[in-house]
Each structure stands twice: as structure tokens, then as C-alpha cells.
Protein backbone atom coordinates (compact mmCIF):
# COMPACT_ATOMS: atom_id res chain seq x y z
CA MET A 1 152.08 -8.34 9.47
CA THR A 2 148.40 -8.05 8.56
CA PRO A 3 145.66 -9.25 10.88
CA PRO A 4 144.39 -12.71 9.97
CA ASP A 5 140.99 -13.05 8.36
CA HIS A 6 138.17 -14.60 10.32
CA ASP A 7 138.14 -18.38 10.08
CA ASP A 8 134.64 -19.80 9.69
CA SER A 9 135.71 -22.90 11.55
CA VAL A 10 136.22 -20.89 14.71
CA PRO A 11 133.06 -20.85 16.85
CA ASN A 12 131.64 -17.36 16.85
CA HIS A 13 128.78 -17.76 19.28
CA PRO A 14 129.34 -15.58 22.35
CA SER A 15 128.66 -18.47 24.70
CA ALA A 16 131.89 -20.18 23.66
CA PRO A 17 135.30 -18.52 24.06
CA THR A 18 137.35 -18.22 20.89
CA SER A 19 141.02 -18.74 20.58
CA ALA A 20 143.09 -15.87 19.29
CA PRO A 21 144.83 -16.29 15.94
CA GLU A 22 147.85 -18.51 16.25
CA ALA A 23 150.10 -15.86 14.69
CA ALA A 24 149.06 -13.17 17.16
CA PRO A 25 152.00 -10.82 17.60
CA ALA A 26 153.60 -10.49 21.00
CA GLU A 27 155.07 -7.04 20.37
CA PHE A 28 153.34 -3.84 19.40
CA ALA A 29 155.93 -3.28 16.70
CA SER A 30 154.55 -6.32 14.86
CA LEU A 31 151.04 -4.85 14.61
CA PRO A 32 149.93 -3.16 11.37
CA LEU A 33 149.55 0.22 13.03
CA ASP A 34 150.27 3.67 11.64
CA PRO A 35 153.76 5.01 12.51
CA LYS A 36 152.13 7.87 14.43
CA LEU A 37 150.40 5.38 16.71
CA GLN A 38 153.56 3.29 17.03
CA ARG A 39 155.41 6.41 18.10
CA ALA A 40 152.80 7.16 20.78
CA ILE A 41 153.03 3.56 22.02
CA SER A 42 156.81 3.89 22.32
CA ASP A 43 156.40 7.20 24.17
CA ALA A 44 154.14 5.42 26.68
CA GLY A 45 156.86 2.82 27.28
CA TYR A 46 154.91 -0.15 25.90
CA SER A 47 156.73 -2.85 23.96
CA HIS A 48 154.89 -6.17 24.51
CA MET A 49 151.16 -6.70 24.41
CA THR A 50 149.13 -8.19 27.20
CA PRO A 51 147.08 -11.34 26.42
CA ILE A 52 143.82 -9.42 25.96
CA GLN A 53 145.55 -6.98 23.60
CA ALA A 54 147.19 -9.76 21.59
CA LYS A 55 143.84 -11.51 21.09
CA ALA A 56 141.46 -8.57 20.69
CA ILE A 57 143.40 -6.07 18.55
CA PRO A 58 143.59 -8.29 15.40
CA LEU A 59 139.87 -9.09 15.67
CA VAL A 60 138.91 -5.42 16.05
CA LEU A 61 141.13 -4.49 13.10
CA SER A 62 139.33 -7.11 11.01
CA GLY A 63 135.99 -5.39 11.75
CA ARG A 64 134.40 -8.01 14.03
CA ASP A 65 132.19 -7.26 17.02
CA VAL A 66 134.03 -8.36 20.16
CA MET A 67 133.14 -9.14 23.77
CA GLY A 68 136.40 -8.98 25.70
CA ALA A 69 136.64 -10.49 29.18
CA ALA A 70 139.86 -9.94 31.06
CA GLN A 71 141.02 -9.19 34.55
CA THR A 72 141.29 -5.55 35.54
CA GLY A 73 144.69 -3.99 35.01
CA THR A 74 145.45 -5.99 31.86
CA GLY A 75 145.20 -3.15 29.34
CA LYS A 76 141.61 -3.34 28.06
CA THR A 77 141.64 0.37 27.16
CA ALA A 78 144.52 -0.03 24.72
CA ALA A 79 142.91 -3.22 23.38
CA PHE A 80 139.98 -1.24 21.91
CA SER A 81 141.39 2.28 21.49
CA LEU A 82 144.46 1.44 19.40
CA PRO A 83 142.66 -0.54 16.66
CA LEU A 84 139.84 2.03 16.47
CA LEU A 85 142.33 4.87 16.09
CA GLN A 86 144.05 2.88 13.37
CA LYS A 87 140.75 2.40 11.50
CA MET A 88 140.01 6.13 11.76
CA MET A 89 143.39 7.24 10.44
CA ARG A 90 141.89 7.27 6.94
CA HIS A 91 139.66 10.16 8.09
CA GLU A 92 142.58 12.14 9.53
CA ASN A 93 142.72 15.75 8.32
CA SER A 94 144.01 19.11 9.49
CA SER A 95 140.92 21.09 8.52
CA ALA A 96 139.55 23.55 11.05
CA SER A 97 135.99 22.96 9.91
CA PRO A 98 133.88 21.03 12.47
CA ALA A 99 132.12 19.27 9.59
CA ARG A 100 135.41 17.52 8.77
CA HIS A 101 135.62 16.15 12.30
CA PRO A 102 132.34 14.32 13.05
CA VAL A 103 132.03 11.83 15.89
CA ARG A 104 133.11 8.47 14.48
CA ALA A 105 133.86 6.51 17.68
CA LEU A 106 131.75 6.60 20.84
CA VAL A 107 133.07 5.18 24.11
CA LEU A 108 130.56 4.86 26.97
CA ALA A 109 131.77 4.42 30.55
CA PRO A 110 129.71 3.93 33.73
CA THR A 111 131.54 6.45 35.96
CA ARG A 112 133.05 9.90 35.56
CA GLU A 113 136.44 8.77 36.82
CA LEU A 114 136.64 5.91 34.35
CA ALA A 115 135.56 8.15 31.46
CA ASP A 116 138.22 10.71 32.35
CA GLN A 117 140.90 8.03 32.59
CA VAL A 118 139.95 6.49 29.23
CA ALA A 119 140.07 9.96 27.65
CA VAL A 120 143.59 10.53 28.99
CA ASN A 121 144.77 7.25 27.44
CA VAL A 122 143.05 7.86 24.09
CA LYS A 123 144.51 11.36 23.81
CA ALA A 124 147.97 9.99 24.60
CA TYR A 125 147.69 7.41 21.80
CA ALA A 126 146.39 9.99 19.30
CA LYS A 127 148.70 12.86 20.23
CA HIS A 128 150.86 12.59 17.10
CA SER A 129 147.87 12.43 14.75
CA GLN A 130 145.20 14.94 13.69
CA LEU A 131 142.44 12.92 15.34
CA ARG A 132 140.57 14.75 18.09
CA ALA A 133 139.21 13.24 21.29
CA ALA A 134 136.93 14.73 23.95
CA VAL A 135 135.28 13.57 27.15
CA VAL A 136 131.92 14.65 28.60
CA PHE A 137 130.55 13.72 32.01
CA GLY A 138 128.26 15.18 34.63
CA GLY A 139 129.08 17.17 37.72
CA ILE A 140 130.74 20.07 35.89
CA ASP A 141 129.63 22.94 33.65
CA MET A 142 128.39 21.96 30.19
CA ALA A 143 129.67 25.13 28.48
CA PRO A 144 133.33 24.08 28.02
CA GLN A 145 132.20 20.64 26.85
CA THR A 146 129.77 22.22 24.38
CA ALA A 147 132.49 24.45 22.94
CA GLU A 148 134.78 21.45 22.42
CA LEU A 149 132.02 19.42 20.77
CA LYS A 150 131.16 22.33 18.45
CA ARG A 151 134.76 22.38 17.21
CA GLY A 152 134.42 18.75 16.14
CA VAL A 153 135.85 15.50 17.60
CA GLU A 154 136.38 12.05 16.14
CA VAL A 155 136.46 10.12 19.44
CA LEU A 156 133.89 10.95 22.11
CA ILE A 157 134.16 9.40 25.58
CA ALA A 158 131.09 9.96 27.73
CA THR A 159 128.91 8.86 30.58
CA PRO A 160 125.32 8.09 29.50
CA GLY A 161 123.53 10.83 31.44
CA ARG A 162 125.65 13.76 30.28
CA LEU A 163 125.72 12.47 26.70
CA LEU A 164 121.92 12.51 26.63
CA ASP A 165 122.02 16.10 27.90
CA HIS A 166 124.22 17.11 24.97
CA ILE A 167 122.08 15.17 22.50
CA GLN A 168 118.93 16.93 23.69
CA ALA A 169 120.73 20.28 23.49
CA LYS A 170 121.80 19.38 19.91
CA ASN A 171 125.45 19.87 20.78
CA CYS A 172 126.59 16.72 18.97
CA GLN A 173 125.44 14.56 16.09
CA LEU A 174 125.89 10.79 16.24
CA ASN A 175 124.64 9.88 12.77
CA GLN A 176 128.18 9.17 11.49
CA VAL A 177 129.32 6.94 14.35
CA GLU A 178 131.08 3.84 13.03
CA TYR A 179 132.41 2.33 16.28
CA VAL A 180 130.80 1.96 19.72
CA VAL A 181 132.62 0.76 22.83
CA LEU A 182 130.92 -0.17 26.10
CA ASP A 183 133.65 -0.13 28.73
CA GLU A 184 132.87 -2.06 31.91
CA ALA A 185 129.99 -3.55 29.97
CA ASP A 186 128.40 -5.50 32.81
CA ARG A 187 127.67 -2.27 34.68
CA MET A 188 126.69 -0.47 31.49
CA LEU A 189 124.08 -3.12 30.78
CA ASP A 190 122.86 -3.16 34.35
CA ILE A 191 119.20 -2.36 34.91
CA GLY A 192 119.97 1.20 35.99
CA PHE A 193 121.87 2.03 32.78
CA LEU A 194 119.72 0.09 30.35
CA PRO A 195 117.10 2.80 29.54
CA ASP A 196 119.75 5.46 28.87
CA LEU A 197 121.78 3.01 26.84
CA GLN A 198 118.81 2.11 24.67
CA ARG A 199 118.07 5.79 24.01
CA ILE A 200 121.68 6.48 23.02
CA LEU A 201 121.86 3.47 20.70
CA SER A 202 118.68 4.63 18.97
CA TYR A 203 120.56 7.71 17.74
CA LEU A 204 123.36 5.62 16.15
CA PRO A 205 123.47 4.08 12.67
CA LYS A 206 122.42 0.45 12.45
CA GLN A 207 125.62 -0.51 10.67
CA ARG A 208 128.40 -0.12 13.21
CA GLN A 209 131.09 -2.10 15.00
CA THR A 210 130.33 -2.66 18.68
CA LEU A 211 132.84 -3.71 21.33
CA LEU A 212 132.15 -4.72 24.93
CA PHE A 213 135.01 -4.95 27.43
CA SER A 214 134.75 -5.84 31.08
CA ALA A 215 136.37 -7.87 33.82
CA THR A 216 133.19 -9.87 34.47
CA PHE A 217 130.48 -11.32 32.25
CA SER A 218 127.56 -13.14 33.82
CA PRO A 219 125.42 -15.41 31.61
CA GLU A 220 122.57 -12.91 31.88
CA ILE A 221 124.80 -10.10 30.66
CA LYS A 222 125.93 -12.22 27.72
CA ARG A 223 122.33 -12.83 26.65
CA LEU A 224 121.50 -9.16 27.03
CA ALA A 225 124.55 -8.11 25.03
CA GLN A 226 123.56 -10.22 22.05
CA SER A 227 120.87 -7.68 21.15
CA TYR A 228 123.55 -4.99 20.70
CA LEU A 229 126.25 -6.97 18.90
CA GLN A 230 126.21 -8.62 15.49
CA ASP A 231 127.74 -12.09 15.39
CA PRO A 232 130.09 -11.28 18.28
CA LEU A 233 133.28 -13.07 19.24
CA LEU A 234 133.94 -13.68 22.92
CA VAL A 235 137.60 -13.25 23.81
CA GLU A 236 138.63 -14.50 27.24
CA VAL A 237 142.20 -14.57 28.46
CA ALA A 238 141.34 -15.88 31.92
CA ARG A 239 138.61 -17.89 33.53
CA PRO A 240 135.45 -15.77 33.72
CA ASN A 241 135.28 -13.63 36.86
CA ALA A 242 138.77 -14.74 37.88
CA THR A 243 140.95 -12.63 40.16
CA ALA A 244 144.56 -11.81 39.39
CA SER A 245 147.10 -14.33 40.68
CA THR A 246 149.36 -11.46 41.78
CA VAL A 247 146.85 -10.33 44.43
CA GLU A 248 147.01 -11.98 47.86
CA GLN A 249 143.48 -12.27 49.24
CA ARG A 250 142.90 -12.36 53.02
CA PHE A 251 139.58 -12.50 54.85
CA TYR A 252 139.39 -11.67 58.57
CA SER A 253 136.47 -12.38 60.86
CA VAL A 254 135.87 -9.28 62.98
CA ASP A 255 133.17 -7.49 64.91
CA ALA A 256 131.66 -4.43 63.27
CA ASP A 257 132.86 -2.17 66.10
CA ASP A 258 136.48 -3.34 65.70
CA LYS A 259 136.88 -2.76 61.96
CA ARG A 260 138.59 0.59 62.29
CA ARG A 261 141.10 -0.76 64.81
CA VAL A 262 141.81 -3.71 62.52
CA VAL A 263 142.57 -1.38 59.61
CA ARG A 264 144.98 0.68 61.73
CA GLN A 265 146.66 -2.44 63.09
CA LEU A 266 147.15 -4.08 59.68
CA LEU A 267 148.55 -0.85 58.25
CA ARG A 268 151.18 -0.85 61.01
CA GLN A 269 151.96 -4.57 60.95
CA ARG A 270 152.30 -4.84 57.17
CA ASP A 271 153.89 -1.39 56.76
CA ILE A 272 151.33 -0.40 54.13
CA LYS A 273 151.97 3.14 52.93
CA GLN A 274 148.90 3.59 50.72
CA ALA A 275 145.57 1.82 50.32
CA ILE A 276 142.02 2.20 49.10
CA VAL A 277 139.35 1.41 51.71
CA PHE A 278 136.04 0.42 50.12
CA VAL A 279 132.70 0.87 51.87
CA ASN A 280 129.13 0.29 50.71
CA SER A 281 127.55 3.68 51.35
CA LYS A 282 128.35 7.33 50.76
CA LEU A 283 127.53 8.25 54.35
CA GLY A 284 129.76 5.45 55.63
CA ALA A 285 132.63 6.68 53.46
CA ALA A 286 132.38 10.23 54.81
CA ARG A 287 132.19 9.07 58.44
CA LEU A 288 135.06 6.60 58.13
CA ALA A 289 137.27 9.17 56.43
CA ARG A 290 136.70 11.65 59.28
CA SER A 291 137.41 8.95 61.89
CA LEU A 292 140.66 7.85 60.25
CA GLU A 293 141.68 11.48 59.87
CA ARG A 294 141.22 11.94 63.62
CA ASP A 295 143.43 8.88 64.13
CA GLY A 296 146.30 10.71 62.46
CA LEU A 297 146.09 9.15 58.98
CA ARG A 298 146.06 11.35 55.90
CA THR A 299 142.67 10.40 54.52
CA THR A 300 140.23 11.64 51.90
CA ALA A 301 136.84 10.37 50.74
CA LEU A 302 135.62 9.64 47.22
CA HIS A 303 131.90 9.10 46.68
CA GLY A 304 128.98 10.23 44.56
CA ASP A 305 127.88 13.10 46.80
CA LYS A 306 131.09 15.00 46.13
CA SER A 307 131.28 17.38 43.19
CA GLN A 308 133.27 16.32 40.17
CA ASP A 309 136.00 18.85 40.99
CA GLU A 310 136.31 17.48 44.54
CA ARG A 311 136.46 13.91 43.26
CA LEU A 312 139.18 14.68 40.72
CA LYS A 313 141.22 16.60 43.31
CA ALA A 314 140.94 13.74 45.82
CA LEU A 315 142.00 11.20 43.23
CA ASP A 316 144.88 13.35 42.05
CA ALA A 317 146.12 13.89 45.61
CA PHE A 318 146.03 10.13 46.20
CA LYS A 319 147.99 9.42 43.01
CA ARG A 320 150.64 12.00 43.96
CA GLY A 321 151.09 10.39 47.38
CA GLU A 322 149.74 13.34 49.36
CA VAL A 323 147.05 11.08 50.86
CA ASP A 324 147.62 7.71 52.54
CA LEU A 325 144.08 6.32 52.53
CA LEU A 326 141.33 6.81 49.97
CA VAL A 327 137.96 5.85 51.46
CA ALA A 328 135.69 5.18 48.52
CA THR A 329 132.43 3.66 47.42
CA ASP A 330 132.22 1.46 44.32
CA VAL A 331 132.45 4.59 42.18
CA ALA A 332 136.24 4.03 42.37
CA ALA A 333 136.12 0.27 41.92
CA ARG A 334 136.04 0.17 38.14
CA GLY A 335 138.79 1.01 35.72
CA LEU A 336 140.88 3.34 37.86
CA ASP A 337 144.58 2.79 37.20
CA ILE A 338 146.72 3.76 40.19
CA ALA A 339 150.34 2.77 39.74
CA ASP A 340 151.92 0.53 42.38
CA LEU A 341 148.98 0.53 44.79
CA PRO A 342 150.06 -1.98 47.45
CA ALA A 343 146.77 -2.78 49.18
CA VAL A 344 143.00 -2.65 49.06
CA PHE A 345 140.69 -2.97 52.08
CA ASN A 346 137.10 -4.14 51.84
CA PHE A 347 135.86 -2.41 54.98
CA ASP A 348 132.38 -3.58 53.94
CA ILE A 349 131.85 -6.77 51.95
CA PRO A 350 130.23 -5.69 48.64
CA PHE A 351 126.57 -6.55 48.10
CA ASN A 352 127.36 -7.62 44.53
CA ALA A 353 130.00 -10.34 44.29
CA GLU A 354 131.22 -9.04 40.92
CA ASP A 355 132.13 -5.74 42.57
CA TYR A 356 134.63 -7.70 44.70
CA VAL A 357 136.58 -8.60 41.55
CA HIS A 358 136.65 -4.97 40.46
CA ARG A 359 137.60 -3.69 43.91
CA ILE A 360 140.63 -5.92 44.38
CA GLY A 361 141.62 -5.26 40.77
CA ARG A 362 142.84 -1.80 41.85
CA THR A 363 145.97 -3.51 43.25
CA GLY A 364 148.30 -6.02 41.61
CA ARG A 365 148.00 -4.27 38.25
CA ALA A 366 150.32 -4.83 35.28
CA GLY A 367 152.00 -7.80 36.93
CA ALA A 368 152.79 -6.08 40.24
CA SER A 369 151.98 -7.76 43.55
CA GLY A 370 149.34 -6.55 45.97
CA ILE A 371 147.14 -7.59 48.86
CA ALA A 372 143.37 -7.40 49.25
CA ILE A 373 142.08 -7.52 52.84
CA SER A 374 138.38 -8.06 53.53
CA LEU A 375 136.75 -7.59 56.93
CA ALA A 376 133.72 -9.85 57.37
CA THR A 377 131.21 -9.96 60.22
CA ARG A 378 128.70 -12.69 61.02
CA GLU A 379 126.08 -10.87 58.97
CA ASP A 380 128.32 -11.07 55.89
CA ALA A 381 128.26 -14.88 55.65
CA ARG A 382 125.92 -14.93 52.64
CA LEU A 383 127.93 -12.27 50.79
CA VAL A 384 131.15 -14.22 51.37
CA CYS A 385 129.50 -17.35 49.98
CA ASP A 386 128.48 -15.41 46.86
CA ILE A 387 132.11 -14.37 46.35
CA GLU A 388 133.23 -17.98 46.75
CA LYS A 389 130.83 -19.12 44.05
CA LEU A 390 131.94 -16.36 41.69
CA ILE A 391 135.71 -16.76 41.97
CA LYS A 392 135.48 -20.54 42.53
CA LYS A 393 137.88 -20.47 45.47
CA LYS A 394 137.42 -21.54 49.06
CA ILE A 395 137.55 -18.57 51.41
CA ASP A 396 138.97 -19.12 54.90
CA LEU A 397 137.96 -16.58 57.51
CA GLU A 398 140.93 -15.90 59.75
CA PRO A 399 140.63 -14.61 63.31
CA ILE A 400 142.72 -11.61 64.23
CA GLU A 401 144.01 -10.72 67.68
CA LEU A 402 143.69 -7.03 68.30
CA GLU A 403 146.41 -5.09 70.01
CA ASP A 404 145.18 -3.23 73.09
CA ASP A 405 145.85 0.29 71.87
CA ARG A 406 142.83 1.97 73.41
CA PRO A 407 143.27 3.98 76.65
CA ARG A 408 141.37 2.30 79.47
CA ARG A 409 140.31 3.47 82.94
CA ARG A 410 142.18 1.96 85.85
CA ARG A 411 140.16 -0.64 87.77
CA PHE A 412 140.87 -1.35 91.44
CA ASN A 413 140.79 -4.81 92.93
CA ASP A 414 139.28 -5.36 96.37
CA ASP A 415 142.66 -6.39 97.77
CA GLU A 416 144.53 -3.47 96.23
CA PRO A 417 144.88 -0.46 98.50
CA ARG A 418 143.45 2.66 96.97
CA GLU A 419 145.22 5.97 97.05
CA ALA A 420 143.97 8.50 99.54
CA ALA A 421 141.50 10.94 98.14
CA PRO A 422 142.79 14.49 97.78
CA ALA A 423 141.97 16.95 100.54
CA TYR A 424 139.72 19.04 98.38
CA ALA A 425 137.47 16.03 97.69
CA ASN A 426 136.12 16.05 101.30
CA ALA A 427 135.93 19.81 101.69
CA PRO A 428 132.43 21.19 102.32
CA ARG A 429 130.78 22.72 99.33
CA ARG A 430 130.66 26.51 99.33
CA GLN A 431 127.21 28.02 99.32
CA SER A 432 126.31 30.10 96.37
CA ALA A 433 126.51 33.82 97.00
CA SER A 434 123.05 34.46 95.54
CA SER A 435 120.18 32.37 96.92
CA ASP A 436 116.42 32.68 96.89
CA PRO A 437 114.89 32.18 100.39
CA LEU A 438 111.50 31.33 98.95
CA PHE A 439 113.10 28.72 96.67
CA ASP A 440 114.97 27.18 99.63
CA GLN A 441 111.80 26.75 101.75
CA PRO A 442 110.36 23.26 102.03
CA TYR A 443 107.14 22.55 100.17
CA GLU A 444 103.92 23.17 102.14
CA ALA A 445 100.63 21.79 100.88
CA ALA A 446 97.79 24.30 100.59
CA ASP A 447 94.45 23.87 102.47
CA PRO A 448 92.09 22.16 100.02
CA GLU A 449 89.05 23.99 101.50
CA ALA A 450 90.59 27.44 101.29
CA LYS A 451 89.16 29.84 98.71
CA PRO A 452 91.36 31.16 95.91
CA ASP A 453 93.32 34.29 96.71
CA TRP A 454 91.46 36.42 94.21
CA GLU A 455 88.07 35.56 95.85
CA GLN A 456 89.45 36.32 99.31
CA ALA A 457 90.68 39.70 98.10
CA ALA A 458 87.25 40.51 96.63
CA ALA A 459 85.45 39.53 99.84
CA THR A 460 87.78 41.65 101.93
CA SER A 461 87.28 44.70 99.74
CA THR A 462 83.48 44.30 99.81
CA ALA A 463 83.35 43.88 103.59
CA GLY A 464 85.44 46.97 104.10
CA LYS A 465 82.89 49.23 102.32
CA ALA A 466 80.17 50.45 104.76
CA GLY A 467 76.64 51.60 103.94
CA LEU A 468 76.07 49.42 100.87
CA SER A 469 72.46 48.46 100.27
CA ARG A 470 71.49 44.85 100.15
CA PHE A 471 69.74 45.55 96.84
CA ILE A 472 73.02 46.47 95.15
CA LYS A 473 74.33 43.45 93.30
CA PRO A 474 78.07 42.95 93.09
CA ARG A 475 79.67 43.18 89.69
CA ARG A 476 80.00 40.00 87.75
CA LYS A 477 83.49 38.57 88.00
CA VAL A 478 85.24 38.31 84.61
CA PRO A 479 88.54 36.48 84.41
CA VAL A 480 91.51 38.62 83.54
CA LEU A 481 92.31 36.46 80.53
CA LEU A 482 88.90 37.32 79.10
CA GLY A 483 89.27 41.07 79.57
CA GLY A 484 88.44 41.50 83.23
CA LYS A 485 90.29 43.79 85.61
CA MET A 486 92.66 42.74 88.30
CA PRO A 487 91.08 42.83 91.78
CA GLY A 488 91.95 46.01 93.72
């Protein structure tokens, strides 16, 4: 079945969601994809498309610019990578010459972890074809990345900063790029990424197909995205900024000092084997990870101050089940796909309400159930209200009764007889073997009218010398600190 042509009667302004073609296929086998891609899809165990895939893939195949809004965990990566690989199959060749493998598709991601994960998926879909894919991100040596780029790649997945490094070093040419994908577009178009993004887009041809995919799209982001897309179609498969219905959301009202005890208690009560604990700062993530490790929980931290190798090792250990808790900043909130993650803790309420949607999207993925637990203090009232406005749901703060698991000192009542003190408590203290008699003497105030000792010594020595003439003047006294001699 071929993808339907664009119907002019369908509204194409990005402010209005468009309906997918009525004949959208429900199975991947119904898509007009190359047999090599169909084989890779079967190897991955996919048979039916998710709603975002069913709506976006035909539009991308038809060459339209697309803004895709869907909840996290619904397969956005396959929604843009499969149709782009299909469109590039006409350039497939087995030549070893780098000139035959120019960059034709550029995928930009906001974080290193997301870029690496997208690259893994793209390589899995293209493994039976001659199309090459590579990923470049910061935190590791550029030399291996440079060597791979010099050999030629058709699909390049990158973070903005490292891509600019390679562009300035002339390691890659982007003048033949036909397709651009901004994954997690709301963060990519954030103020911090905007200058780098504008520089990168200036190196690309004007005629290109641009795709934006994200779980959240604010009205400001939509207006900003219009400058990068040509006549875009907005595809939404859920209410904007909605959270997955498979995720149970609980908010507990706690004191800041009790948060760690609440996490331990809920892990025991709900028998949670693995969870991600989100905090707002890198320092807070490191401290909390050390504290939970001391409490006997297998814990590791994931934040921006760690090297890329450390971050990948921590994430891999968590996926293999070697670690129970992953304490992370929002660097892990976007795009990471961890199979069967049962729970997510918001140890700190996020400053940005949209980050809440991304955080809890780490659980309840691909139709599985999960729970998202948020710990809110009195100071978090405004942040909780922002989340309410975004997800359009009333949030009820629940109290939680803490179990008394802390060791406490025994307190005696006035009526309760106290145990007798041990004999050694009343024993006289033994004097130290070495004592200074001068140090043990009581303080005695000196006579204020008495002359200093050094003047008394001089007078004594002068009086003791007989036969001195009255015309002989005594030597001028010079302080020792200024070069004088000590009195005899």
C-alpha cells in the first residue's frame, strides 16, 4: 500500500492538529518499506505500529515537514528513522569511497544518552542495508569519531556542541543533507540550544525535509519552530503535554529532611526492585547517591559532571539490573528507554513543569504499568501548581506516616528508676604522670609599678661595678629585635 497524497482540505497550519490518513496501516507489514527494513523490523519483534508511527510515517514518506507530539515511550524514534531510511535506500551502495557515502540525514538530540540510544535504534533498523550510521557527542575523544566520519556515513546522529566541533575541524560536510530531525524538539529549541542550532542550520541546504518530535510542545515552541519548517503538519496522538494513562501518579507532602526516609519506606512497602530518583542538581544527585549507598541500597549517580564513559557504564549497569537505584538529574529524563522500569521518584519537584512529563515517561513505556512518586514540600507549592496547569489534572497531596526506623537514645522519666551507674564512673581520675609545676600554679598578678626584668638586670650589673666615673655615660639600650645584645 502506498502512502496517501496530501489532501489540501486537511488543515496544515501547525496550530491545528491534523488527522492521520484514514487508511493508515496498523501493521508494519502494510507499509511500503524495503524488504531489508521489514526484515530488521521483524528482528526487533515489532508487528503493529503505535499511534504516532501510524500517523507520522505516511506523512514523512510523502515528503512533508512534520511536528510530532506524542507521549514518551510511544516509539517516536521509529516514527522518523524508518521513513528516512526508506527514502535513502535509493542512495544505497557498497562502495568503499567516502564520497559515495555523504551525510544525507542529520538527527540532533539534546543529550549524549539520547543521541547514543537513537544511534543504536537506527543502526538496528539499517543493519541489513548498506546505509551507514554514526553518532558523535561530547565527553569522549574526537579521534575515533573523526575516523568514522572520514569513512563516510549517510545518517549522522549528534549533539549540537560536538557537531560544531567536527564542522570547525572540517571532519564532515553537510552540504548534501536532505533530512533533518530535531528529537526532543522543545529542549532543542530552548534558549540554551538556539544559538548552536542556528549555526548548524546555516550549514545545511535550504531545500530539506525537517521533522520535529517531542513529548511536549508549548505555544511558544510552536511559533519558534515555524521558522525552521516549511508548511509543517502537526501530528498529535494525545492531548498536548498529556501523561501516559498507564502511569500511576502519587504526590506526598513531606518535610525536606524526611525525603530519604520516605524513599526507603516506599521501596519496602511497594516492593519496588528498581527505580530512577530524579533530583534538580548535580551536587544533590552525588550526595543522595552516597547516602542511599550507605543505607545498603545499590545506587549509582548519573549527572553532567561525570565523564561520558562513567555515564554510559552507570546506565548500562542499571539496565542489566546490577544497580537498584539510579539517582539522576534531568540529563536522564528525556528519551531513555529502560525496559520494564517499575517506578520513578521525583525527589525534587522539577523547576520546569514539562520536565515532569519527561521524567515520569521513563516508566509505563510501551503499554506497561508504572508508578511515579513525587515528594513535595511547602516550598514546592508553586511548582506543583505549574504541573497541574500543564497536565490539566488536579493533584492531591497525600500525607505519609513514617515508620520509626531510626535508632533513638533512651529517655528516662522522672518516675522511672534509673540503673545504678557503673563503679568506674565514680572512681577518682588518675593524675597524669607528667605534669608541669609552673603550669599548675595559680595565676599571680604582677606589681604594676615594678620595672621590667631587663631593666632590673641592667641596674644590678651597673651597681655591681665599682670605680666608674660619673662622667661615663651608660650605653644606649637597643632592643634585641632591632639588633641589640641580650643583657649580661
